[in-house]
Amino acid sequence: MAFPNVSDIIATTIESRTRKIQDNATDNNAALKKMSMRGNIKTFSGGSKIVQEISFQDNGNVGWYSGYDILPTNQQDVISYAEFPIKQAACPVVMSGLEQLQNAGKEQMIDLMEGRISVAEASMANLISAGLYSDGTGASGKQLDGLNIAIPTAPNIGVYGGINRDPWVFWRSKLRDVANTATLLADMNALWASTVRGMDRVDLILVDNTVWSAYMAALQALQRFTDPKVGELGFPAIKFMDADVILDGGIGGNCPAGTGFFLNTKFMHYRPHASRNMVPLSPNRRYATNQDAEVQILGFAGNLTSSGPQFCGRLDVNP
């Protein structure tokens, strides 16, 4: 019996599951799910960097007038952009020559590949979820520019998205240090208020075990309201104002210890490349040069971007 083209089976199986793999990566993380619900998961098609448009100031022509007053028509520079590097991730799926012999039937081969692709899918989802909390320096600078650089512990210094926070106040996120968990609710109130602009306000708060436990302890039983819509997605949530408070701690949690990220997901964006969003890198046969094995690679390229860090905040609990 002729053996099937293993690389083709791997590639076509991954290809047929691409949408499911992309969805699972999104559903695996509350922040990505919120961005998806807002329509803020948008692919880009090329370029050396990911460009994220931002509005950094009001139009100076705005003003009151009466009757035949002359209206100003000066050119206004109100739109700019931030630049983010393209980060890459991959998970090779390998089939040895012996496994090809042992799984010679097409159905057997597909069953085996489905299992391995499911593991690769979960591994990529977990890798992306962890990367969303990165400061961009992990894996020798190859990790996502995650929340630790978008909403850092020192929001008035450093460069993010190619913009220096030192002179540009609009590019600074908010920070609230908590020295005593007895004041947690007051500190959360102050941080939340500092990020509000009209209808723009925090809609998602990601916390670790420490902040979650302190917040739960501060609430009375009748104040523990859950959001069924979020709960149905698999994330246990309670409310602060009208924002969902979600625990990303416990087993495999990625939120840094003693931290709560106050996110306005209107200004957070997940930007995968249109041709490299959890897809096989190539349908061609890939052989190991010094092993009896074939491999196909599940690949991703993109980054997490922001168009308004000033609308997000960080709670730093150090009791």
C-alpha atoms as a PDB file:
ATOM      1  CA  MET A   1       0.000   0.000   0.000  1.00  0.00           C
ATOM      2  CA  ALA A   2       1.355   3.420  -0.926  1.00  0.00           C
ATOM      3  CA  PHE A   3       1.783   5.728   2.027  1.00  0.00           C
ATOM      4  CA  PRO A   4      -0.167   8.999   1.915  1.00  0.00           C
ATOM      5  CA  ASN A   5       1.757  12.224   1.544  1.00  0.00           C
ATOM      6  CA  VAL A   6       2.111  12.930   5.239  1.00  0.00           C
ATOM      7  CA  SER A   7       2.979  16.610   4.899  1.00  0.00           C
ATOM      8  CA  ASP A   8      -0.051  17.143   2.669  1.00  0.00           C
ATOM      9  CA  ILE A   9      -2.292  15.468   5.249  1.00  0.00           C
ATOM     10  CA  ILE A  10      -0.846  17.605   8.029  1.00  0.00           C
ATOM     11  CA  ALA A  11      -1.160  20.807   6.003  1.00  0.00           C
ATOM     12  CA  THR A  12      -4.673  20.160   4.714  1.00  0.00           C
ATOM     13  CA  THR A  13      -5.854  19.070   8.161  1.00  0.00           C
ATOM     14  CA  ILE A  14      -4.473  22.250   9.736  1.00  0.00           C
ATOM     15  CA  GLU A  15      -5.921  24.295   6.876  1.00  0.00           C
ATOM     16  CA  SER A  16      -9.385  22.842   7.393  1.00  0.00           C
ATOM     17  CA  ARG A  17      -9.157  23.679  11.105  1.00  0.00           C
ATOM     18  CA  THR A  18      -7.675  27.162  10.673  1.00  0.00           C
ATOM     19  CA  ARG A  19     -10.856  29.026  11.594  1.00  0.00           C
ATOM     20  CA  LYS A  20     -11.383  26.776  14.624  1.00  0.00           C
ATOM     21  CA  ILE A  21      -7.772  27.230  15.727  1.00  0.00           C
ATOM     22  CA  GLN A  22      -8.070  31.010  15.402  1.00  0.00           C
ATOM     23  CA  ASP A  23     -11.348  31.020  17.347  1.00  0.00           C
ATOM     24  CA  ASN A  24      -9.938  28.805  20.086  1.00  0.00           C
ATOM     25  CA  ALA A  25      -6.949  31.093  20.506  1.00  0.00           C
ATOM     26  CA  THR A  26      -9.355  34.018  20.908  1.00  0.00           C
ATOM     27  CA  ASP A  27     -11.734  32.190  23.228  1.00  0.00           C
ATOM     28  CA  ASN A  28      -8.820  31.088  25.420  1.00  0.00           C
ATOM     29  CA  ASN A  29      -8.247  34.631  26.688  1.00  0.00           C
ATOM     30  CA  ALA A  30     -10.796  37.081  28.085  1.00  0.00           C
ATOM     31  CA  ALA A  31      -9.001  40.140  26.690  1.00  0.00           C
ATOM     32  CA  LEU A  32      -8.926  38.715  23.168  1.00  0.00           C
ATOM     33  CA  LYS A  33     -12.566  37.720  23.457  1.00  0.00           C
ATOM     34  CA  LYS A  34     -13.534  41.254  24.447  1.00  0.00           C
ATOM     35  CA  MET A  35     -11.499  42.673  21.554  1.00  0.00           C
ATOM     36  CA  SER A  36     -13.241  40.263  19.218  1.00  0.00           C
ATOM     37  CA  MET A  37     -16.646  41.383  20.488  1.00  0.00           C
ATOM     38  CA  ARG A  38     -15.623  44.993  19.792  1.00  0.00           C
ATOM     39  CA  GLY A  39     -14.357  44.147  16.309  1.00  0.00           C
ATOM     40  CA  ASN A  40     -10.783  44.948  17.345  1.00  0.00           C
ATOM     41  CA  ILE A  41      -9.194  41.813  15.958  1.00  0.00           C
ATOM     42  CA  LYS A  42      -8.095  42.985  12.529  1.00  0.00           C
ATOM     43  CA  THR A  43      -5.542  41.441  10.239  1.00  0.00           C
ATOM     44  CA  PHE A  44      -2.863  43.356   8.381  1.00  0.00           C
ATOM     45  CA  SER A  45      -1.565  42.323   4.989  1.00  0.00           C
ATOM     46  CA  GLY A  46       2.042  43.485   4.846  1.00  0.00           C
ATOM     47  CA  GLY A  47       4.710  46.035   5.673  1.00  0.00           C
ATOM     48  CA  SER A  48       7.764  45.939   7.889  1.00  0.00           C
ATOM     49  CA  LYS A  49       5.742  46.986  10.963  1.00  0.00           C
ATOM     50  CA  ILE A  50       2.167  47.022  12.191  1.00  0.00           C
ATOM     51  CA  VAL A  51       0.735  50.545  11.983  1.00  0.00           C
ATOM     52  CA  GLN A  52      -1.941  51.502  14.521  1.00  0.00           C
ATOM     53  CA  GLU A  53      -3.743  54.799  13.897  1.00  0.00           C
ATOM     54  CA  ILE A  54      -4.254  57.083  16.897  1.00  0.00           C
ATOM     55  CA  SER A  55      -6.037  60.380  17.535  1.00  0.00           C
ATOM     56  CA  PHE A  56      -3.845  62.372  19.902  1.00  0.00           C
ATOM     57  CA  GLN A  57      -5.516  65.783  20.173  1.00  0.00           C
ATOM     58  CA  ASP A  58      -8.701  67.727  19.407  1.00  0.00           C
ATOM     59  CA  ASN A  59      -9.242  69.659  16.197  1.00  0.00           C
ATOM     60  CA  GLY A  60      -8.146  73.229  17.040  1.00  0.00           C
ATOM     61  CA  ASN A  61     -10.747  74.675  14.663  1.00  0.00           C
ATOM     62  CA  VAL A  62     -13.544  73.754  17.027  1.00  0.00           C
ATOM     63  CA  GLY A  63     -15.241  76.685  18.761  1.00  0.00           C
ATOM     64  CA  TRP A  64     -18.333  78.806  19.254  1.00  0.00           C
ATOM     65  CA  TYR A  65     -19.556  81.289  16.660  1.00  0.00           C
ATOM     66  CA  SER A  66     -22.436  83.645  15.968  1.00  0.00           C
ATOM     67  CA  GLY A  67     -24.136  84.636  12.727  1.00  0.00           C
ATOM     68  CA  TYR A  68     -21.637  85.598  10.000  1.00  0.00           C
ATOM     69  CA  ASP A  69     -18.493  85.045  12.075  1.00  0.00           C
ATOM     70  CA  ILE A  70     -15.558  83.741  10.056  1.00  0.00           C
ATOM     71  CA  LEU A  71     -14.960  80.087  10.840  1.00  0.00           C
ATOM     72  CA  PRO A  72     -11.347  78.878  11.111  1.00  0.00           C
ATOM     73  CA  THR A  73     -10.242  76.418   8.432  1.00  0.00           C
ATOM     74  CA  ASN A  74      -6.644  75.901   9.470  1.00  0.00           C
ATOM     75  CA  GLN A  75      -5.119  72.561   8.607  1.00  0.00           C
ATOM     76  CA  GLN A  76      -5.097  70.336  11.662  1.00  0.00           C
ATOM     77  CA  ASP A  77      -2.676  67.532  12.444  1.00  0.00           C
ATOM     78  CA  VAL A  78      -4.839  65.372  14.717  1.00  0.00           C
ATOM     79  CA  ILE A  79      -4.233  61.851  13.417  1.00  0.00           C
ATOM     80  CA  SER A  80      -0.978  59.995  13.840  1.00  0.00           C
ATOM     81  CA  TYR A  81       0.037  56.393  14.294  1.00  0.00           C
ATOM     82  CA  ALA A  82       2.070  54.078  16.457  1.00  0.00           C
ATOM     83  CA  GLU A  83       4.329  51.390  15.021  1.00  0.00           C
ATOM     84  CA  PHE A  84       4.635  47.892  16.436  1.00  0.00           C
ATOM     85  CA  PRO A  85       7.043  45.151  15.368  1.00  0.00           C
ATOM     86  CA  ILE A  86       5.770  41.923  13.846  1.00  0.00           C
ATOM     87  CA  LYS A  87       6.224  39.061  16.302  1.00  0.00           C
ATOM     88  CA  GLN A  88       6.222  35.424  15.169  1.00  0.00           C
ATOM     89  CA  ALA A  89       5.325  32.122  16.804  1.00  0.00           C
ATOM     90  CA  ALA A  90       5.218  28.557  15.553  1.00  0.00           C
ATOM     91  CA  CYS A  91       4.446  25.039  16.677  1.00  0.00           C
ATOM     92  CA  PRO A  92       5.861  22.220  14.513  1.00  0.00           C
ATOM     93  CA  VAL A  93       3.758  19.066  14.147  1.00  0.00           C
ATOM     94  CA  VAL A  94       6.013  16.066  13.507  1.00  0.00           C
ATOM     95  CA  MET A  95       5.417  12.563  12.175  1.00  0.00           C
ATOM     96  CA  SER A  96       8.254  10.030  12.300  1.00  0.00           C
ATOM     97  CA  GLY A  97       8.868   7.405   9.648  1.00  0.00           C
ATOM     98  CA  LEU A  98       7.955   4.657  12.113  1.00  0.00           C
ATOM     99  CA  GLU A  99       4.644   6.345  12.870  1.00  0.00           C
ATOM    100  CA  GLN A 100       3.950   6.544   9.149  1.00  0.00           C
ATOM    101  CA  LEU A 101       4.447   2.786   8.907  1.00  0.00           C
ATOM    102  CA  GLN A 102       2.295   2.126  11.947  1.00  0.00           C
ATOM    103  CA  ASN A 103      -0.488   4.418  10.698  1.00  0.00           C
ATOM    104  CA  ALA A 104      -0.446   3.569   7.005  1.00  0.00           C
ATOM    105  CA  GLY A 105      -4.191   3.765   6.474  1.00  0.00           C
ATOM    106  CA  LYS A 106      -5.468   7.225   5.577  1.00  0.00           C
ATOM    107  CA  GLU A 107      -8.076   7.235   8.348  1.00  0.00           C
ATOM    108  CA  GLN A 108      -5.520   6.156  10.922  1.00  0.00           C
ATOM    109  CA  MET A 109      -3.132   8.871   9.761  1.00  0.00           C
ATOM    110  CA  ILE A 110      -5.815  11.570   9.977  1.00  0.00           C
ATOM    111  CA  ASP A 111      -6.849  10.423  13.462  1.00  0.00           C
ATOM    112  CA  LEU A 112      -3.254  10.655  14.619  1.00  0.00           C
ATOM    113  CA  MET A 113      -2.760  14.060  13.024  1.00  0.00           C
ATOM    114  CA  GLU A 114      -6.022  15.400  14.482  1.00  0.00           C
ATOM    115  CA  GLY A 115      -4.749  14.547  17.939  1.00  0.00           C
ATOM    116  CA  ARG A 116      -1.390  16.172  17.371  1.00  0.00           C
ATOM    117  CA  ILE A 117      -2.882  19.257  15.776  1.00  0.00           C
ATOM    118  CA  SER A 118      -5.266  19.603  18.727  1.00  0.00           C
ATOM    119  CA  VAL A 119      -2.246  19.651  21.040  1.00  0.00           C
ATOM    120  CA  ALA A 120      -0.485  22.188  18.784  1.00  0.00           C
ATOM    121  CA  GLU A 121      -3.642  24.292  18.741  1.00  0.00           C
ATOM    122  CA  ALA A 122      -3.863  24.336  22.546  1.00  0.00           C
ATOM    123  CA  SER A 123      -0.134  25.017  22.830  1.00  0.00           C
ATOM    124  CA  MET A 124      -0.342  28.018  20.504  1.00  0.00           C
ATOM    125  CA  ALA A 125      -3.396  29.361  22.348  1.00  0.00           C
ATOM    126  CA  ASN A 126      -1.540  29.105  25.674  1.00  0.00           C
ATOM    127  CA  LEU A 127       1.572  30.712  24.158  1.00  0.00           C
ATOM    128  CA  ILE A 128      -0.452  33.673  22.864  1.00  0.00           C
ATOM    129  CA  SER A 129      -2.297  34.023  26.195  1.00  0.00           C
ATOM    130  CA  ALA A 130       0.997  34.171  28.096  1.00  0.00           C
ATOM    131  CA  GLY A 131       2.417  36.588  25.525  1.00  0.00           C
ATOM    132  CA  LEU A 132      -0.462  38.992  26.079  1.00  0.00           C
ATOM    133  CA  TYR A 133       1.056  39.796  29.496  1.00  0.00           C
ATOM    134  CA  SER A 134       4.582  40.169  28.153  1.00  0.00           C
ATOM    135  CA  ASP A 135       6.677  43.322  28.080  1.00  0.00           C
ATOM    136  CA  GLY A 136       8.012  42.322  24.672  1.00  0.00           C
ATOM    137  CA  THR A 137      11.466  41.306  25.917  1.00  0.00           C
ATOM    138  CA  GLY A 138      10.764  37.605  26.485  1.00  0.00           C
ATOM    139  CA  ALA A 139      12.358  35.018  24.191  1.00  0.00           C
ATOM    140  CA  SER A 140      15.115  37.519  23.343  1.00  0.00           C
ATOM    141  CA  GLY A 141      12.612  40.185  22.333  1.00  0.00           C
ATOM    142  CA  LYS A 142      10.483  37.892  20.169  1.00  0.00           C
ATOM    143  CA  GLN A 143       7.463  37.738  22.489  1.00  0.00           C
ATOM    144  CA  LEU A 144       4.350  39.874  21.967  1.00  0.00           C
ATOM    145  CA  ASP A 145       4.334  43.481  23.136  1.00  0.00           C
ATOM    146  CA  GLY A 146       1.771  42.639  25.781  1.00  0.00           C
ATOM    147  CA  LEU A 147       0.103  44.366  28.700  1.00  0.00           C
ATOM    148  CA  ASN A 148       3.312  44.705  30.724  1.00  0.00           C
ATOM    149  CA  ILE A 149       4.641  47.213  28.205  1.00  0.00           C
ATOM    150  CA  ALA A 150       1.303  48.711  27.165  1.00  0.00           C
ATOM    151  CA  ILE A 151       0.348  49.325  30.808  1.00  0.00           C
ATOM    152  CA  PRO A 152       3.644  49.261  32.715  1.00  0.00           C
ATOM    153  CA  THR A 153       4.600  49.922  36.331  1.00  0.00           C
ATOM    154  CA  ALA A 154       6.381  53.109  35.208  1.00  0.00           C
ATOM    155  CA  PRO A 155       3.954  54.660  32.707  1.00  0.00           C
ATOM    156  CA  ASN A 156       5.802  57.986  32.353  1.00  0.00           C
ATOM    157  CA  ILE A 157       9.004  56.593  30.847  1.00  0.00           C
ATOM    158  CA  GLY A 158      10.055  54.388  27.959  1.00  0.00           C
ATOM    159  CA  VAL A 159       9.058  53.969  24.336  1.00  0.00           C
ATOM    160  CA  TYR A 160       5.935  52.061  23.328  1.00  0.00           C
ATOM    161  CA  GLY A 161       4.761  51.688  19.768  1.00  0.00           C
ATOM    162  CA  GLY A 162       7.590  53.986  18.688  1.00  0.00           C
ATOM    163  CA  ILE A 163       6.278  56.856  20.859  1.00  0.00           C
ATOM    164  CA  ASN A 164       8.231  58.174  23.856  1.00  0.00           C
ATOM    165  CA  ARG A 165       6.006  58.444  26.923  1.00  0.00           C
ATOM    166  CA  ASP A 166       8.195  61.053  28.587  1.00  0.00           C
ATOM    167  CA  PRO A 167       7.104  64.089  26.522  1.00  0.00           C
ATOM    168  CA  TRP A 168       3.755  62.669  25.373  1.00  0.00           C
ATOM    169  CA  VAL A 169       1.353  62.558  28.333  1.00  0.00           C
ATOM    170  CA  PHE A 170      -1.489  61.234  26.162  1.00  0.00           C
ATOM    171  CA  TRP A 171       0.508  58.031  25.648  1.00  0.00           C
ATOM    172  CA  ARG A 172       0.767  57.210  29.362  1.00  0.00           C
ATOM    173  CA  SER A 173      -1.467  54.645  31.031  1.00  0.00           C
ATOM    174  CA  LYS A 174      -2.622  55.146  34.628  1.00  0.00           C
ATOM    175  CA  LEU A 175      -1.129  53.515  37.732  1.00  0.00           C
ATOM    176  CA  ARG A 176      -2.449  53.042  41.267  1.00  0.00           C
ATOM    177  CA  ASP A 177      -0.230  51.596  43.996  1.00  0.00           C
ATOM    178  CA  VAL A 178      -2.081  49.766  46.769  1.00  0.00           C
ATOM    179  CA  ALA A 179      -0.177  49.563  50.049  1.00  0.00           C
ATOM    180  CA  ASN A 180      -3.046  48.102  52.062  1.00  0.00           C
ATOM    181  CA  THR A 181      -5.773  45.823  50.705  1.00  0.00           C
ATOM    182  CA  ALA A 182      -8.164  47.401  53.216  1.00  0.00           C
ATOM    183  CA  THR A 183      -8.293  50.391  50.850  1.00  0.00           C
ATOM    184  CA  LEU A 184      -8.628  48.271  47.713  1.00  0.00           C
ATOM    185  CA  LEU A 185     -12.116  49.439  46.739  1.00  0.00           C
ATOM    186  CA  ALA A 186     -11.170  53.103  47.164  1.00  0.00           C
ATOM    187  CA  ASP A 187      -8.037  52.543  45.088  1.00  0.00           C
ATOM    188  CA  MET A 188     -10.031  50.762  42.384  1.00  0.00           C
ATOM    189  CA  ASN A 189     -12.532  53.641  42.355  1.00  0.00           C
ATOM    190  CA  ALA A 190      -9.735  56.170  41.928  1.00  0.00           C
ATOM    191  CA  LEU A 191      -8.006  54.193  39.170  1.00  0.00           C
ATOM    192  CA  TRP A 192     -11.261  53.613  37.294  1.00  0.00           C
ATOM    193  CA  ALA A 193     -12.180  57.321  37.474  1.00  0.00           C
ATOM    194  CA  SER A 194      -8.758  58.351  36.150  1.00  0.00           C
ATOM    195  CA  THR A 195      -9.344  56.395  32.920  1.00  0.00           C
ATOM    196  CA  VAL A 196     -12.845  57.690  32.118  1.00  0.00           C
ATOM    197  CA  ARG A 197     -13.583  60.138  29.297  1.00  0.00           C
ATOM    198  CA  GLY A 198     -17.289  60.600  28.639  1.00  0.00           C
ATOM    199  CA  MET A 199     -18.622  57.255  27.450  1.00  0.00           C
ATOM    200  CA  ASP A 200     -15.114  55.812  27.218  1.00  0.00           C
ATOM    201  CA  ARG A 201     -14.435  53.715  30.293  1.00  0.00           C
ATOM    202  CA  VAL A 202     -12.847  50.463  31.411  1.00  0.00           C
ATOM    203  CA  ASP A 203     -14.831  47.389  30.359  1.00  0.00           C
ATOM    204  CA  LEU A 204     -12.514  44.567  31.454  1.00  0.00           C
ATOM    205  CA  ILE A 205     -10.372  44.066  34.551  1.00  0.00           C
ATOM    206  CA  LEU A 206      -7.923  41.148  34.583  1.00  0.00           C
ATOM    207  CA  VAL A 207      -6.556  40.205  38.010  1.00  0.00           C
ATOM    208  CA  ASP A 208      -4.321  37.642  39.649  1.00  0.00           C
ATOM    209  CA  ASN A 209      -5.161  35.532  42.714  1.00  0.00           C
ATOM    210  CA  THR A 210      -4.091  38.218  45.195  1.00  0.00           C
ATOM    211  CA  VAL A 211      -6.255  40.974  43.762  1.00  0.00           C
ATOM    212  CA  TRP A 212      -9.156  38.592  43.124  1.00  0.00           C
ATOM    213  CA  SER A 213      -9.162  37.352  46.710  1.00  0.00           C
ATOM    214  CA  ALA A 214      -8.896  40.862  48.153  1.00  0.00           C
ATOM    215  CA  TYR A 215     -11.701  42.115  45.935  1.00  0.00           C
ATOM    216  CA  MET A 216     -13.975  39.189  46.769  1.00  0.00           C
ATOM    217  CA  ALA A 217     -13.318  39.701  50.474  1.00  0.00           C
ATOM    218  CA  ALA A 218     -14.229  43.380  50.152  1.00  0.00           C
ATOM    219  CA  LEU A 219     -17.639  42.661  48.665  1.00  0.00           C
ATOM    220  CA  GLN A 220     -20.795  41.709  50.466  1.00  0.00           C
ATOM    221  CA  ALA A 221     -22.686  38.670  49.191  1.00  0.00           C
ATOM    222  CA  LEU A 222     -25.473  40.690  47.571  1.00  0.00           C
ATOM    223  CA  GLN A 223     -22.946  42.792  45.669  1.00  0.00           C
ATOM    224  CA  ARG A 224     -21.411  39.853  43.843  1.00  0.00           C
ATOM    225  CA  PHE A 225     -23.147  40.240  40.510  1.00  0.00           C
ATOM    226  CA  THR A 226     -22.074  38.043  37.633  1.00  0.00           C
ATOM    227  CA  ASP A 227     -22.414  38.715  33.938  1.00  0.00           C
ATOM    228  CA  PRO A 228     -24.173  35.745  32.251  1.00  0.00           C
ATOM    229  CA  LYS A 229     -22.860  36.750  28.829  1.00  0.00           C
ATOM    230  CA  VAL A 230     -19.267  36.477  30.004  1.00  0.00           C
ATOM    231  CA  GLY A 231     -20.023  33.442  32.153  1.00  0.00           C
ATOM    232  CA  GLU A 232     -21.365  31.589  29.130  1.00  0.00           C
ATOM    233  CA  LEU A 233     -17.981  32.065  27.474  1.00  0.00           C
ATOM    234  CA  GLY A 234     -16.328  30.099  30.237  1.00  0.00           C
ATOM    235  CA  PHE A 235     -14.870  32.952  32.284  1.00  0.00           C
ATOM    236  CA  PRO A 236     -16.044  33.348  35.894  1.00  0.00           C
ATOM    237  CA  ALA A 237     -16.712  37.056  36.293  1.00  0.00           C
ATOM    238  CA  ILE A 238     -17.951  39.573  38.796  1.00  0.00           C
ATOM    239  CA  LYS A 239     -18.577  43.252  38.247  1.00  0.00           C
ATOM    240  CA  PHE A 240     -16.814  46.464  39.178  1.00  0.00           C
ATOM    241  CA  MET A 241     -18.921  49.389  37.970  1.00  0.00           C
ATOM    242  CA  ASP A 242     -19.981  47.899  34.625  1.00  0.00           C
ATOM    243  CA  ALA A 243     -16.628  46.260  33.890  1.00  0.00           C
ATOM    244  CA  ASP A 244     -16.116  42.498  34.023  1.00  0.00           C
ATOM    245  CA  VAL A 245     -13.582  41.430  36.655  1.00  0.00           C
ATOM    246  CA  ILE A 246     -11.992  38.165  35.544  1.00  0.00           C
ATOM    247  CA  LEU A 247      -9.471  36.003  37.335  1.00  0.00           C
ATOM    248  CA  ASP A 248      -6.449  35.019  35.277  1.00  0.00           C
ATOM    249  CA  GLY A 249      -4.665  33.272  38.084  1.00  0.00           C
ATOM    250  CA  GLY A 250      -5.014  29.819  39.546  1.00  0.00           C
ATOM    251  CA  ILE A 251      -3.490  26.936  37.588  1.00  0.00           C
ATOM    252  CA  GLY A 252      -1.776  28.247  34.488  1.00  0.00           C
ATOM    253  CA  GLY A 253      -2.777  31.869  35.105  1.00  0.00           C
ATOM    254  CA  ASN A 254      -0.613  34.486  33.452  1.00  0.00           C
ATOM    255  CA  CYS A 255      -1.496  37.755  35.183  1.00  0.00           C
ATOM    256  CA  PRO A 256       1.512  39.029  37.181  1.00  0.00           C
ATOM    257  CA  ALA A 257       1.305  38.624  40.960  1.00  0.00           C
ATOM    258  CA  GLY A 258      -0.446  41.452  42.793  1.00  0.00           C
ATOM    259  CA  THR A 259      -1.664  43.035  39.567  1.00  0.00           C
ATOM    260  CA  GLY A 260      -4.959  44.150  38.078  1.00  0.00           C
ATOM    261  CA  PHE A 261      -5.125  45.446  34.507  1.00  0.00           C
ATOM    262  CA  PHE A 262      -7.965  47.916  33.908  1.00  0.00           C
ATOM    263  CA  LEU A 263      -8.599  47.699  30.165  1.00  0.00           C
ATOM    264  CA  ASN A 264     -10.725  49.771  27.870  1.00  0.00           C
ATOM    265  CA  THR A 265     -10.716  47.249  25.032  1.00  0.00           C
ATOM    266  CA  LYS A 266     -11.963  49.893  22.600  1.00  0.00           C
ATOM    267  CA  PHE A 267      -8.338  51.024  22.501  1.00  0.00           C
ATOM    268  CA  MET A 268      -6.713  47.576  22.501  1.00  0.00           C
ATOM    269  CA  HIS A 269      -6.166  45.686  19.249  1.00  0.00           C
ATOM    270  CA  TYR A 270      -5.014  42.203  18.301  1.00  0.00           C
ATOM    271  CA  ARG A 271      -3.372  42.358  14.858  1.00  0.00           C
ATOM    272  CA  PRO A 272      -2.493  39.023  13.266  1.00  0.00           C
ATOM    273  CA  HIS A 273      -1.085  38.887   9.741  1.00  0.00           C
ATOM    274  CA  ALA A 274      -3.723  37.908   7.188  1.00  0.00           C
ATOM    275  CA  SER A 275      -1.518  35.117   5.814  1.00  0.00           C
ATOM    276  CA  ARG A 276      -0.067  33.892   9.094  1.00  0.00           C
ATOM    277  CA  ASN A 277      -2.946  33.588  11.535  1.00  0.00           C
ATOM    278  CA  MET A 278      -2.662  30.056  12.916  1.00  0.00           C
ATOM    279  CA  VAL A 279      -2.149  28.440   9.507  1.00  0.00           C
ATOM    280  CA  PRO A 280       0.320  25.912   8.050  1.00  0.00           C
ATOM    281  CA  LEU A 281       3.414  27.718   6.835  1.00  0.00           C
ATOM    282  CA  SER A 282       3.615  25.694   3.658  1.00  0.00           C
ATOM    283  CA  PRO A 283       1.802  22.744   2.042  1.00  0.00           C
ATOM    284  CA  ASN A 284       5.132  21.414   0.796  1.00  0.00           C
ATOM    285  CA  ARG A 285       6.862  18.350   2.172  1.00  0.00           C
ATOM    286  CA  ARG A 286       9.270  19.194   4.947  1.00  0.00           C
ATOM    287  CA  TYR A 287      11.852  16.607   5.904  1.00  0.00           C
ATOM    288  CA  ALA A 288      14.215  16.612   8.847  1.00  0.00           C
ATOM    289  CA  THR A 289      17.717  16.589   7.373  1.00  0.00           C
ATOM    290  CA  ASN A 290      19.108  14.152   9.925  1.00  0.00           C
ATOM    291  CA  GLN A 291      16.000  12.227  11.023  1.00  0.00           C
ATOM    292  CA  ASP A 292      13.396   9.916   9.530  1.00  0.00           C
ATOM    293  CA  ALA A 293      10.573  12.385  10.044  1.00  0.00           C
ATOM    294  CA  GLU A 294       8.293  14.873   8.326  1.00  0.00           C
ATOM    295  CA  VAL A 295       7.043  18.097   9.824  1.00  0.00           C
ATOM    296  CA  GLN A 296       4.466  20.810   9.201  1.00  0.00           C
ATOM    297  CA  ILE A 297       4.480  24.094  11.084  1.00  0.00           C
ATOM    298  CA  LEU A 298       1.496  25.891  12.551  1.00  0.00           C
ATOM    299  CA  GLY A 299       2.433  29.566  12.335  1.00  0.00           C
ATOM    300  CA  PHE A 300       1.419  32.979  13.648  1.00  0.00           C
ATOM    301  CA  ALA A 301       2.659  36.507  13.031  1.00  0.00           C
ATOM    302  CA  GLY A 302       1.293  39.705  14.536  1.00  0.00           C
ATOM    303  CA  ASN A 303       1.197  41.676  17.753  1.00  0.00           C
ATOM    304  CA  LEU A 304      -0.966  43.315  20.387  1.00  0.00           C
ATOM    305  CA  THR A 305      -1.326  47.054  19.779  1.00  0.00           C
ATOM    306  CA  SER A 306      -2.966  50.030  21.457  1.00  0.00           C
ATOM    307  CA  SER A 307      -4.490  53.257  20.193  1.00  0.00           C
ATOM    308  CA  GLY A 308      -4.979  54.808  23.629  1.00  0.00           C
ATOM    309  CA  PRO A 309      -2.990  53.635  26.676  1.00  0.00           C
ATOM    310  CA  GLN A 310      -4.311  56.648  28.641  1.00  0.00           C
ATOM    311  CA  PHE A 311      -7.697  54.927  28.855  1.00  0.00           C
ATOM    312  CA  CYS A 312      -6.229  51.888  30.606  1.00  0.00           C
ATOM    313  CA  GLY A 313      -4.713  51.461  34.057  1.00  0.00           C
ATOM    314  CA  ARG A 314      -2.761  49.174  36.303  1.00  0.00           C
ATOM    315  CA  LEU A 315      -3.427  48.285  39.926  1.00  0.00           C
ATOM    316  CA  ASP A 316      -0.213  47.351  41.719  1.00  0.00           C
ATOM    317  CA  VAL A 317      -0.931  45.657  45.057  1.00  0.00           C
ATOM    318  CA  ASN A 318       2.049  45.541  47.418  1.00  0.00           C
ATOM    319  CA  PRO A 319       0.635  45.258  50.958  1.00  0.00           C
END
